[in-house]
Amino acid sequence: MSDPILEALWKKVLDSWDDDGAHGAFMSHCQETQQLPEAAARYKGMTGDHDRGASAEKRLGGVALLAMASLQHEPRTDPHKVPRWIAIIVSIFFVLATAYLLHALNNS
């Protein structure tokens, strides 16, 4: 599915390659709409361009940095974490079992 905003922003980038604002708007849109892989593909496609290649490489590095930053902000879930209610039930069980054993030892 095509994103008309992304297409318009990319066209602006191509039409005014030396305009940092155009690149910034394009990158912001891609980050907000989770389309950084598309941005990377487009900049990667420009790396072979004689005049724009070096700049495209730098922009591609910026896409990578944005992608890594977005990964660091994603909430992490621990698959080994026990739900709190289970931990409470198990704790209560062990407290009661310990109390029972201590009571049984004192009465023998």
PDB file of N, CA and C in Angstrom:
ATOM      1  N   MET A   1       0.854  -1.178   0.000  1.00  0.00           N
ATOM      2  CA  MET A   1       0.000   0.000   0.000  1.00  0.00           C
ATOM      3  C   MET A   1       0.898   1.239   0.000  1.00  0.00           C
ATOM      4  N   SER A   2       0.597   2.170  -0.857  1.00  0.00           N
ATOM      5  CA  SER A   2       1.398   3.369  -1.023  1.00  0.00           C
ATOM      6  C   SER A   2       0.973   4.448  -0.028  1.00  0.00           C
ATOM      7  N   ASP A   3       1.943   5.152   0.489  1.00  0.00           N
ATOM      8  CA  ASP A   3       1.698   6.257   1.413  1.00  0.00           C
ATOM      9  C   ASP A   3       1.913   7.550   0.630  1.00  0.00           C
ATOM     10  N   PRO A   4       0.839   8.282   0.313  1.00  0.00           N
ATOM     11  CA  PRO A   4       0.990   9.493  -0.500  1.00  0.00           C
ATOM     12  C   PRO A   4       1.830  10.565   0.189  1.00  0.00           C
ATOM     13  N   ILE A   5       1.786  10.622   1.503  1.00  0.00           N
ATOM     14  CA  ILE A   5       2.596  11.620   2.215  1.00  0.00           C
ATOM     15  C   ILE A   5       4.073  11.282   2.068  1.00  0.00           C
ATOM     16  N   LEU A   6       4.392   9.998   2.247  1.00  0.00           N
ATOM     17  CA  LEU A   6       5.778   9.561   2.090  1.00  0.00           C
ATOM     18  C   LEU A   6       6.266   9.855   0.674  1.00  0.00           C
ATOM     19  N   GLU A   7       5.436   9.556  -0.300  1.00  0.00           N
ATOM     20  CA  GLU A   7       5.822   9.796  -1.698  1.00  0.00           C
ATOM     21  C   GLU A   7       6.078  11.281  -1.957  1.00  0.00           C
ATOM     22  N   ALA A   8       5.212  12.138  -1.420  1.00  0.00           N
ATOM     23  CA  ALA A   8       5.379  13.585  -1.617  1.00  0.00           C
ATOM     24  C   ALA A   8       6.644  14.082  -0.919  1.00  0.00           C
ATOM     25  N   LEU A   9       6.881  13.582   0.291  1.00  0.00           N
ATOM     26  CA  LEU A   9       8.082  13.999   1.020  1.00  0.00           C
ATOM     27  C   LEU A   9       9.354  13.516   0.310  1.00  0.00           C
ATOM     28  N   TRP A  10       9.321  12.302  -0.236  1.00  0.00           N
ATOM     29  CA  TRP A  10      10.488  11.792  -0.967  1.00  0.00           C
ATOM     30  C   TRP A  10      10.732  12.598  -2.234  1.00  0.00           C
ATOM     31  N   LYS A  11       9.670  12.968  -2.900  1.00  0.00           N
ATOM     32  CA  LYS A  11       9.803  13.797  -4.102  1.00  0.00           C
ATOM     33  C   LYS A  11      10.467  15.123  -3.741  1.00  0.00           C
ATOM     34  N   LYS A  12      10.062  15.697  -2.616  1.00  0.00           N
ATOM     35  CA  LYS A  12      10.663  16.953  -2.153  1.00  0.00           C
ATOM     36  C   LYS A  12      12.156  16.743  -1.873  1.00  0.00           C
ATOM     37  N   VAL A  13      12.503  15.602  -1.262  1.00  0.00           N
ATOM     38  CA  VAL A  13      13.908  15.282  -1.004  1.00  0.00           C
ATOM     39  C   VAL A  13      14.680  15.227  -2.314  1.00  0.00           C
ATOM     40  N   LEU A  14      14.129  14.529  -3.292  1.00  0.00           N
ATOM     41  CA  LEU A  14      14.829  14.393  -4.582  1.00  0.00           C
ATOM     42  C   LEU A  14      14.945  15.724  -5.319  1.00  0.00           C
ATOM     43  N   ASP A  15      13.903  16.555  -5.202  1.00  0.00           N
ATOM     44  CA  ASP A  15      13.908  17.847  -5.892  1.00  0.00           C
ATOM     45  C   ASP A  15      14.846  18.852  -5.244  1.00  0.00           C
ATOM     46  N   SER A  16      15.058  18.708  -3.944  1.00  0.00           N
ATOM     47  CA  SER A  16      15.936  19.652  -3.231  1.00  0.00           C
ATOM     48  C   SER A  16      16.856  18.863  -2.305  1.00  0.00           C
ATOM     49  N   TRP A  17      17.729  18.082  -2.928  1.00  0.00           N
ATOM     50  CA  TRP A  17      18.585  17.132  -2.204  1.00  0.00           C
ATOM     51  C   TRP A  17      19.434  17.796  -1.123  1.00  0.00           C
ATOM     52  N   ASP A  18      19.879  19.007  -1.324  1.00  0.00           N
ATOM     53  CA  ASP A  18      20.752  19.673  -0.353  1.00  0.00           C
ATOM     54  C   ASP A  18      19.986  20.341   0.784  1.00  0.00           C
ATOM     55  N   ASP A  19      18.674  20.243   0.783  1.00  0.00           N
ATOM     56  CA  ASP A  19      17.837  20.854   1.821  1.00  0.00           C
ATOM     57  C   ASP A  19      17.677  19.879   2.995  1.00  0.00           C
ATOM     58  N   ASP A  20      18.355  20.181   4.099  1.00  0.00           N
ATOM     59  CA  ASP A  20      18.270  19.319   5.284  1.00  0.00           C
ATOM     60  C   ASP A  20      16.839  19.230   5.823  1.00  0.00           C
ATOM     61  N   GLY A  21      16.083  20.301   5.660  1.00  0.00           N
ATOM     62  CA  GLY A  21      14.699  20.299   6.134  1.00  0.00           C
ATOM     63  C   GLY A  21      13.847  19.267   5.415  1.00  0.00           C
ATOM     64  N   ALA A  22      14.078  19.107   4.114  1.00  0.00           N
ATOM     65  CA  ALA A  22      13.329  18.106   3.343  1.00  0.00           C
ATOM     66  C   ALA A  22      13.660  16.697   3.832  1.00  0.00           C
ATOM     67  N   HIS A  23      14.937  16.454   4.063  1.00  0.00           N
ATOM     68  CA  HIS A  23      15.346  15.149   4.579  1.00  0.00           C
ATOM     69  C   HIS A  23      14.770  14.921   5.983  1.00  0.00           C
ATOM     70  N   GLY A  24      14.809  15.951   6.795  1.00  0.00           N
ATOM     71  CA  GLY A  24      14.287  15.834   8.159  1.00  0.00           C
ATOM     72  C   GLY A  24      12.804  15.523   8.182  1.00  0.00           C
ATOM     73  N   ALA A  25      12.040  16.201   7.326  1.00  0.00           N
ATOM     74  CA  ALA A  25      10.595  15.953   7.267  1.00  0.00           C
ATOM     75  C   ALA A  25      10.320  14.528   6.804  1.00  0.00           C
ATOM     76  N   PHE A  26      11.084  14.074   5.811  1.00  0.00           N
ATOM     77  CA  PHE A  26      10.923  12.714   5.306  1.00  0.00           C
ATOM     78  C   PHE A  26      11.238  11.697   6.396  1.00  0.00           C
ATOM     79  N   MET A  27      12.352  11.897   7.071  1.00  0.00           N
ATOM     80  CA  MET A  27      12.766  10.962   8.123  1.00  0.00           C
ATOM     81  C   MET A  27      11.778  10.970   9.288  1.00  0.00           C
ATOM     82  N   SER A  28      11.300  12.135   9.664  1.00  0.00           N
ATOM     83  CA  SER A  28      10.326  12.220  10.761  1.00  0.00           C
ATOM     84  C   SER A  28       9.054  11.455  10.418  1.00  0.00           C
ATOM     85  N   HIS A  29       8.586  11.646   9.208  1.00  0.00           N
ATOM     86  CA  HIS A  29       7.376  10.933   8.783  1.00  0.00           C
ATOM     87  C   HIS A  29       7.605   9.422   8.805  1.00  0.00           C
ATOM     88  N   CYS A  30       8.740   8.998   8.307  1.00  0.00           N
ATOM     89  CA  CYS A  30       9.040   7.564   8.279  1.00  0.00           C
ATOM     90  C   CYS A  30       9.139   6.992   9.691  1.00  0.00           C
ATOM     91  N   GLN A  31       9.713   7.760  10.597  1.00  0.00           N
ATOM     92  CA  GLN A  31       9.827   7.288  11.977  1.00  0.00           C
ATOM     93  C   GLN A  31       8.445   7.227  12.634  1.00  0.00           C
ATOM     94  N   GLU A  32       7.648   8.258  12.456  1.00  0.00           N
ATOM     95  CA  GLU A  32       6.320   8.308  13.079  1.00  0.00           C
ATOM     96  C   GLU A  32       5.390   7.234  12.546  1.00  0.00           C
ATOM     97  N   THR A  33       5.543   6.875  11.282  1.00  0.00           N
ATOM     98  CA  THR A  33       4.657   5.888  10.664  1.00  0.00           C
ATOM     99  C   THR A  33       5.304   4.502  10.571  1.00  0.00           C
ATOM    100  N   GLN A  34       6.417   4.330  11.274  1.00  0.00           N
ATOM    101  CA  GLN A  34       7.142   3.062  11.329  1.00  0.00           C
ATOM    102  C   GLN A  34       7.510   2.556   9.924  1.00  0.00           C
ATOM    103  N   GLN A  35       8.033   3.463   9.121  1.00  0.00           N
ATOM    104  CA  GLN A  35       8.456   3.126   7.762  1.00  0.00           C
ATOM    105  C   GLN A  35       9.945   3.360   7.555  1.00  0.00           C
ATOM    106  N   LEU A  36      10.725   3.210   8.625  1.00  0.00           N
ATOM    107  CA  LEU A  36      12.168   3.399   8.495  1.00  0.00           C
ATOM    108  C   LEU A  36      12.800   2.415   7.506  1.00  0.00           C
ATOM    109  N   PRO A  37      12.305   1.168   7.400  1.00  0.00           N
ATOM    110  CA  PRO A  37      12.877   0.294   6.365  1.00  0.00           C
ATOM    111  C   PRO A  37      12.694   0.858   4.946  1.00  0.00           C
ATOM    112  N   GLU A  38      11.571   1.520   4.717  1.00  0.00           N
ATOM    113  CA  GLU A  38      11.337   2.146   3.409  1.00  0.00           C
ATOM    114  C   GLU A  38      12.315   3.298   3.187  1.00  0.00           C
ATOM    115  N   ALA A  39      12.553   4.087   4.232  1.00  0.00           N
ATOM    116  CA  ALA A  39      13.525   5.180   4.121  1.00  0.00           C
ATOM    117  C   ALA A  39      14.910   4.615   3.828  1.00  0.00           C
ATOM    118  N   ALA A  40      15.275   3.541   4.522  1.00  0.00           N
ATOM    119  CA  ALA A  40      16.582   2.923   4.301  1.00  0.00           C
ATOM    120  C   ALA A  40      16.705   2.429   2.863  1.00  0.00           C
ATOM    121  N   ALA A  41      15.660   1.810   2.355  1.00  0.00           N
ATOM    122  CA  ALA A  41      15.700   1.303   0.978  1.00  0.00           C
ATOM    123  C   ALA A  41      15.870   2.436  -0.018  1.00  0.00           C
ATOM    124  N   ARG A  42      15.196   3.543   0.227  1.00  0.00           N
ATOM    125  CA  ARG A  42      15.294   4.661  -0.720  1.00  0.00           C
ATOM    126  C   ARG A  42      16.676   5.310  -0.686  1.00  0.00           C
ATOM    127  N   TYR A  43      17.208   5.510   0.520  1.00  0.00           N
ATOM    128  CA  TYR A  43      18.552   6.086   0.605  1.00  0.00           C
ATOM    129  C   TYR A  43      19.598   5.102   0.072  1.00  0.00           C
ATOM    130  N   LYS A  44      19.397   3.823   0.330  1.00  0.00           N
ATOM    131  CA  LYS A  44      20.330   2.809  -0.185  1.00  0.00           C
ATOM    132  C   LYS A  44      20.338   2.836  -1.711  1.00  0.00           C
ATOM    133  N   GLY A  45      19.174   3.032  -2.301  1.00  0.00           N
ATOM    134  CA  GLY A  45      19.088   3.123  -3.757  1.00  0.00           C
ATOM    135  C   GLY A  45      19.822   4.323  -4.322  1.00  0.00           C
ATOM    136  N   MET A  46      20.029   5.327  -3.523  1.00  0.00           N
ATOM    137  CA  MET A  46      20.707   6.542  -3.985  1.00  0.00           C
ATOM    138  C   MET A  46      22.220   6.483  -3.778  1.00  0.00           C
ATOM    139  N   THR A  47      22.712   5.464  -3.068  1.00  0.00           N
ATOM    140  CA  THR A  47      24.153   5.425  -2.779  1.00  0.00           C
ATOM    141  C   THR A  47      25.007   5.230  -4.025  1.00  0.00           C
ATOM    142  N   GLY A  48      24.430   4.691  -5.092  1.00  0.00           N
ATOM    143  CA  GLY A  48      25.176   4.515  -6.330  1.00  0.00           C
ATOM    144  C   GLY A  48      25.221   5.757  -7.202  1.00  0.00           C
ATOM    145  N   ASP A  49      24.452   6.772  -6.828  1.00  0.00           N
ATOM    146  CA  ASP A  49      24.424   8.021  -7.591  1.00  0.00           C
ATOM    147  C   ASP A  49      25.756   8.747  -7.425  1.00  0.00           C
ATOM    148  N   HIS A  50      26.340   9.154  -8.547  1.00  0.00           N
ATOM    149  CA  HIS A  50      27.653   9.804  -8.510  1.00  0.00           C
ATOM    150  C   HIS A  50      27.656  11.072  -7.655  1.00  0.00           C
ATOM    151  N   ASP A  51      26.628  11.915  -7.811  1.00  0.00           N
ATOM    152  CA  ASP A  51      26.610  13.190  -7.104  1.00  0.00           C
ATOM    153  C   ASP A  51      26.032  13.089  -5.689  1.00  0.00           C
ATOM    154  N   ARG A  52      25.097  12.195  -5.495  1.00  0.00           N
ATOM    155  CA  ARG A  52      24.381  12.133  -4.219  1.00  0.00           C
ATOM    156  C   ARG A  52      24.788  10.946  -3.341  1.00  0.00           C
ATOM    157  N   GLY A  53      25.650  10.096  -3.839  1.00  0.00           N
ATOM    158  CA  GLY A  53      26.006   8.860  -3.141  1.00  0.00           C
ATOM    159  C   GLY A  53      26.556   9.055  -1.740  1.00  0.00           C
ATOM    160  N   ALA A  54      27.510   9.951  -1.591  1.00  0.00           N
ATOM    161  CA  ALA A  54      28.124  10.162  -0.275  1.00  0.00           C
ATOM    162  C   ALA A  54      27.103  10.686   0.726  1.00  0.00           C
ATOM    163  N   SER A  55      26.283  11.608   0.287  1.00  0.00           N
ATOM    164  CA  SER A  55      25.241  12.152   1.149  1.00  0.00           C
ATOM    165  C   SER A  55      24.208  11.079   1.503  1.00  0.00           C
ATOM    166  N   ALA A  56      23.874  10.241   0.529  1.00  0.00           N
ATOM    167  CA  ALA A  56      22.911   9.167   0.771  1.00  0.00           C
ATOM    168  C   ALA A  56      23.447   8.183   1.803  1.00  0.00           C
ATOM    169  N   GLU A  57      24.746   7.891   1.760  1.00  0.00           N
ATOM    170  CA  GLU A  57      25.368   7.004   2.756  1.00  0.00           C
ATOM    171  C   GLU A  57      25.201   7.574   4.160  1.00  0.00           C
ATOM    172  N   LYS A  58      25.428   8.885   4.297  1.00  0.00           N
ATOM    173  CA  LYS A  58      25.267   9.529   5.607  1.00  0.00           C
ATOM    174  C   LYS A  58      23.816   9.469   6.061  1.00  0.00           C
ATOM    175  N   ARG A  59      22.909   9.718   5.150  1.00  0.00           N
ATOM    176  CA  ARG A  59      21.477   9.662   5.486  1.00  0.00           C
ATOM    177  C   ARG A  59      21.072   8.241   5.880  1.00  0.00           C
ATOM    178  N   LEU A  60      21.651   7.266   5.222  1.00  0.00           N
ATOM    179  CA  LEU A  60      21.377   5.870   5.538  1.00  0.00           C
ATOM    180  C   LEU A  60      21.849   5.546   6.961  1.00  0.00           C
ATOM    181  N   GLY A  61      22.986   6.112   7.334  1.00  0.00           N
ATOM    182  CA  GLY A  61      23.465   5.960   8.707  1.00  0.00           C
ATOM    183  C   GLY A  61      22.499   6.587   9.705  1.00  0.00           C
ATOM    184  N   GLY A  62      21.907   7.721   9.323  1.00  0.00           N
ATOM    185  CA  GLY A  62      20.915   8.360  10.185  1.00  0.00           C
ATOM    186  C   GLY A  62      19.674   7.510  10.364  1.00  0.00           C
ATOM    187  N   VAL A  63      19.269   6.841   9.294  1.00  0.00           N
ATOM    188  CA  VAL A  63      18.118   5.935   9.392  1.00  0.00           C
ATOM    189  C   VAL A  63      18.437   4.817  10.378  1.00  0.00           C
ATOM    190  N   ALA A  64      19.647   4.278  10.298  1.00  0.00           N
ATOM    191  CA  ALA A  64      20.052   3.200  11.208  1.00  0.00           C
ATOM    192  C   ALA A  64      20.021   3.672  12.655  1.00  0.00           C
ATOM    193  N   LEU A  65      20.494   4.886  12.895  1.00  0.00           N
ATOM    194  CA  LEU A  65      20.467   5.427  14.256  1.00  0.00           C
ATOM    195  C   LEU A  65      19.042   5.592  14.772  1.00  0.00           C
ATOM    196  N   LEU A  66      18.161   6.086  13.928  1.00  0.00           N
ATOM    197  CA  LEU A  66      16.759   6.226  14.323  1.00  0.00           C
ATOM    198  C   LEU A  66      16.129   4.870  14.625  1.00  0.00           C
ATOM    199  N   ALA A  67      16.463   3.883  13.818  1.00  0.00           N
ATOM    200  CA  ALA A  67      15.918   2.539  14.029  1.00  0.00           C
ATOM    201  C   ALA A  67      16.393   1.965  15.359  1.00  0.00           C
ATOM    202  N   MET A  68      17.672   2.142  15.660  1.00  0.00           N
ATOM    203  CA  MET A  68      18.196   1.638  16.932  1.00  0.00           C
ATOM    204  C   MET A  68      17.583   2.381  18.106  1.00  0.00           C
ATOM    205  N   ALA A  69      17.408   3.682  17.975  1.00  0.00           N
ATOM    206  CA  ALA A  69      16.796   4.462  19.050  1.00  0.00           C
ATOM    207  C   ALA A  69      15.362   4.021  19.289  1.00  0.00           C
ATOM    208  N   SER A  70      14.634   3.712  18.234  1.00  0.00           N
ATOM    209  CA  SER A  70      13.245   3.288  18.416  1.00  0.00           C
ATOM    210  C   SER A  70      13.185   1.918  19.073  1.00  0.00           C
ATOM    211  N   LEU A  71      14.171   1.055  18.836  1.00  0.00           N
ATOM    212  CA  LEU A  71      14.207  -0.248  19.496  1.00  0.00           C
ATOM    213  C   LEU A  71      14.438  -0.098  20.986  1.00  0.00           C
ATOM    214  N   GLN A  72      15.247   0.871  21.381  1.00  0.00           N
ATOM    215  CA  GLN A  72      15.526   1.084  22.790  1.00  0.00           C
ATOM    216  C   GLN A  72      14.316   1.614  23.540  1.00  0.00           C
ATOM    217  N   HIS A  73      13.372   2.248  22.848  1.00  0.00           N
ATOM    218  CA  HIS A  73      12.206   2.821  23.495  1.00  0.00           C
ATOM    219  C   HIS A  73      11.023   1.870  23.550  1.00  0.00           C
ATOM    220  N   GLU A  74      11.133   0.716  22.877  1.00  0.00           N
ATOM    221  CA  GLU A  74      10.043  -0.248  22.922  1.00  0.00           C
ATOM    222  C   GLU A  74      10.012  -0.903  24.296  1.00  0.00           C
ATOM    223  N   PRO A  75       8.808  -1.080  24.844  1.00  0.00           N
ATOM    224  CA  PRO A  75       8.729  -1.736  26.147  1.00  0.00           C
ATOM    225  C   PRO A  75       9.207  -3.181  26.043  1.00  0.00           C
ATOM    226  N   ARG A  76       9.952  -3.579  27.013  1.00  0.00           N
ATOM    227  CA  ARG A  76      10.469  -4.936  27.027  1.00  0.00           C
ATOM    228  C   ARG A  76       9.583  -5.807  27.901  1.00  0.00           C
ATOM    229  N   THR A  77       9.336  -6.991  27.449  1.00  0.00           N
ATOM    230  CA  THR A  77       8.588  -7.940  28.248  1.00  0.00           C
ATOM    231  C   THR A  77       9.504  -9.103  28.565  1.00  0.00           C
ATOM    232  N   ASP A  78       9.468  -9.523  29.791  1.00  0.00           N
ATOM    233  CA  ASP A  78      10.297 -10.624  30.241  1.00  0.00           C
ATOM    234  C   ASP A  78       9.458 -11.897  30.191  1.00  0.00           C
ATOM    235  N   PRO A  79       9.772 -12.801  29.277  1.00  0.00           N
ATOM    236  CA  PRO A  79       8.954 -14.011  29.161  1.00  0.00           C
ATOM    237  C   PRO A  79       9.064 -14.913  30.380  1.00  0.00           C
ATOM    238  N   HIS A  80      10.084 -14.708  31.219  1.00  0.00           N
ATOM    239  CA  HIS A  80      10.276 -15.547  32.397  1.00  0.00           C
ATOM    240  C   HIS A  80       9.676 -14.927  33.656  1.00  0.00           C
ATOM    241  N   LYS A  81       9.137 -13.761  33.553  1.00  0.00           N
ATOM    242  CA  LYS A  81       8.584 -13.081  34.713  1.00  0.00           C
ATOM    243  C   LYS A  81       7.270 -13.749  35.119  1.00  0.00           C
ATOM    244  N   VAL A  82       7.171 -14.071  36.405  1.00  0.00           N
ATOM    245  CA  VAL A  82       5.982 -14.718  36.945  1.00  0.00           C
ATOM    246  C   VAL A  82       4.954 -13.639  37.273  1.00  0.00           C
ATOM    247  N   PRO A  83       3.689 -13.857  36.892  1.00  0.00           N
ATOM    248  CA  PRO A  83       2.661 -12.876  37.260  1.00  0.00           C
ATOM    249  C   PRO A  83       2.616 -12.668  38.779  1.00  0.00           C
ATOM    250  N   ARG A  84       2.345 -11.467  39.186  1.00  0.00           N
ATOM    251  CA  ARG A  84       2.377 -11.094  40.604  1.00  0.00           C
ATOM    252  C   ARG A  84       1.429 -11.937  41.444  1.00  0.00           C
ATOM    253  N   TRP A  85       0.240 -12.227  40.943  1.00  0.00           N
ATOM    254  CA  TRP A  85      -0.727 -12.976  41.740  1.00  0.00           C
ATOM    255  C   TRP A  85      -0.245 -14.400  42.009  1.00  0.00           C
ATOM    256  N   ILE A  86       0.494 -14.992  41.067  1.00  0.00           N
ATOM    257  CA  ILE A  86       1.035 -16.338  41.290  1.00  0.00           C
ATOM    258  C   ILE A  86       2.127 -16.281  42.354  1.00  0.00           C
ATOM    259  N   ALA A  87       2.963 -15.259  42.290  1.00  0.00           N
ATOM    260  CA  ALA A  87       4.028 -15.105  43.281  1.00  0.00           C
ATOM    261  C   ALA A  87       3.445 -14.951  44.687  1.00  0.00           C
ATOM    262  N   ILE A  88       2.343 -14.227  44.808  1.00  0.00           N
ATOM    263  CA  ILE A  88       1.700 -14.037  46.121  1.00  0.00           C
ATOM    264  C   ILE A  88       1.144 -15.369  46.635  1.00  0.00           C
ATOM    265  N   ILE A  89       0.469 -16.119  45.779  1.00  0.00           N
ATOM    266  CA  ILE A  89      -0.103 -17.403  46.192  1.00  0.00           C
ATOM    267  C   ILE A  89       0.994 -18.373  46.626  1.00  0.00           C
ATOM    268  N   VAL A  90       2.072 -18.437  45.862  1.00  0.00           N
ATOM    269  CA  VAL A  90       3.180 -19.333  46.208  1.00  0.00           C
ATOM    270  C   VAL A  90       3.819 -18.899  47.522  1.00  0.00           C
ATOM    271  N   SER A  91       3.968 -17.603  47.713  1.00  0.00           N
ATOM    272  CA  SER A  91       4.546 -17.104  48.969  1.00  0.00           C
ATOM    273  C   SER A  91       3.671 -17.474  50.155  1.00  0.00           C
ATOM    274  N   ILE A  92       2.374 -17.300  50.022  1.00  0.00           N
ATOM    275  CA  ILE A  92       1.450 -17.650  51.108  1.00  0.00           C
ATOM    276  C   ILE A  92       1.532 -19.154  51.397  1.00  0.00           C
ATOM    277  N   PHE A  93       1.590 -19.966  50.352  1.00  0.00           N
ATOM    278  CA  PHE A  93       1.705 -21.412  50.531  1.00  0.00           C
ATOM    279  C   PHE A  93       2.957 -21.759  51.326  1.00  0.00           C
ATOM    280  N   PHE A  94       4.107 -21.173  50.970  1.00  0.00           N
ATOM    281  CA  PHE A  94       5.339 -21.484  51.678  1.00  0.00           C
ATOM    282  C   PHE A  94       5.304 -20.996  53.128  1.00  0.00           C
ATOM    283  N   VAL A  95       4.702 -19.851  53.372  1.00  0.00           N
ATOM    284  CA  VAL A  95       4.577 -19.355  54.749  1.00  0.00           C
ATOM    285  C   VAL A  95       3.725 -20.322  55.563  1.00  0.00           C
ATOM    286  N   LEU A  96       2.590 -20.762  55.015  1.00  0.00           N
ATOM    287  CA  LEU A  96       1.716 -21.696  55.731  1.00  0.00           C
ATOM    288  C   LEU A  96       2.386 -23.054  55.928  1.00  0.00           C
ATOM    289  N   ALA A  97       3.088 -23.535  54.915  1.00  0.00           N
ATOM    290  CA  ALA A  97       3.778 -24.820  55.028  1.00  0.00           C
ATOM    291  C   ALA A  97       4.876 -24.750  56.083  1.00  0.00           C
ATOM    292  N   THR A  98       5.612 -23.649  56.133  1.00  0.00           N
ATOM    293  CA  THR A  98       6.659 -23.476  57.137  1.00  0.00           C
ATOM    294  C   THR A  98       6.054 -23.416  58.538  1.00  0.00           C
ATOM    295  N   ALA A  99       4.977 -22.677  58.679  1.00  0.00           N
ATOM    296  CA  ALA A  99       4.307 -22.591  59.985  1.00  0.00           C
ATOM    297  C   ALA A  99       3.812 -23.968  60.431  1.00  0.00           C
ATOM    298  N   TYR A 100       3.258 -24.743  59.509  1.00  0.00           N
ATOM    299  CA  TYR A 100       2.767 -26.084  59.835  1.00  0.00           C
ATOM    300  C   TYR A 100       3.917 -26.985  60.266  1.00  0.00           C
ATOM    301  N   LEU A 101       5.029 -26.956  59.529  1.00  0.00           N
ATOM    302  CA  LEU A 101       6.179 -27.785  59.882  1.00  0.00           C
ATOM    303  C   LEU A 101       6.774 -27.396  61.239  1.00  0.00           C
ATOM    304  N   LEU A 102       6.862 -26.099  61.496  1.00  0.00           N
ATOM    305  CA  LEU A 102       7.381 -25.648  62.797  1.00  0.00           C
ATOM    306  C   LEU A 102       6.449 -26.092  63.919  1.00  0.00           C
ATOM    307  N   HIS A 103       5.168 -26.004  63.695  1.00  0.00           N
ATOM    308  CA  HIS A 103       4.188 -26.445  64.699  1.00  0.00           C
ATOM    309  C   HIS A 103       4.306 -27.949  64.921  1.00  0.00           C
ATOM    310  N   ALA A 104       4.457 -28.722  63.835  1.00  0.00           N
ATOM    311  CA  ALA A 104       4.579 -30.183  63.947  1.00  0.00           C
ATOM    312  C   ALA A 104       5.855 -30.567  64.672  1.00  0.00           C
ATOM    313  N   LEU A 105       6.974 -29.863  64.418  1.00  0.00           N
ATOM    314  CA  LEU A 105       8.235 -30.157  65.085  1.00  0.00           C
ATOM    315  C   LEU A 105       8.170 -29.826  66.570  1.00  0.00           C
ATOM    316  N   ASN A 106       7.494 -28.765  66.945  1.00  0.00           N
ATOM    317  CA  ASN A 106       7.379 -28.358  68.342  1.00  0.00           C
ATOM    318  C   ASN A 106       6.496 -29.331  69.125  1.00  0.00           C
ATOM    319  N   ASN A 107       5.547 -29.972  68.495  1.00  0.00           N
ATOM    320  CA  ASN A 107       4.640 -30.892  69.175  1.00  0.00           C
ATOM    321  C   ASN A 107       5.173 -32.327  69.207  1.00  0.00           C
ATOM    322  N   SER A 108       6.295 -32.620  68.583  1.00  0.00           N
ATOM    323  CA  SER A 108       6.786 -33.989  68.620  1.00  0.00           C
ATOM    324  C   SER A 108       7.842 -34.215  69.658  1.00  0.00           C
TER     325      SER A 108
END
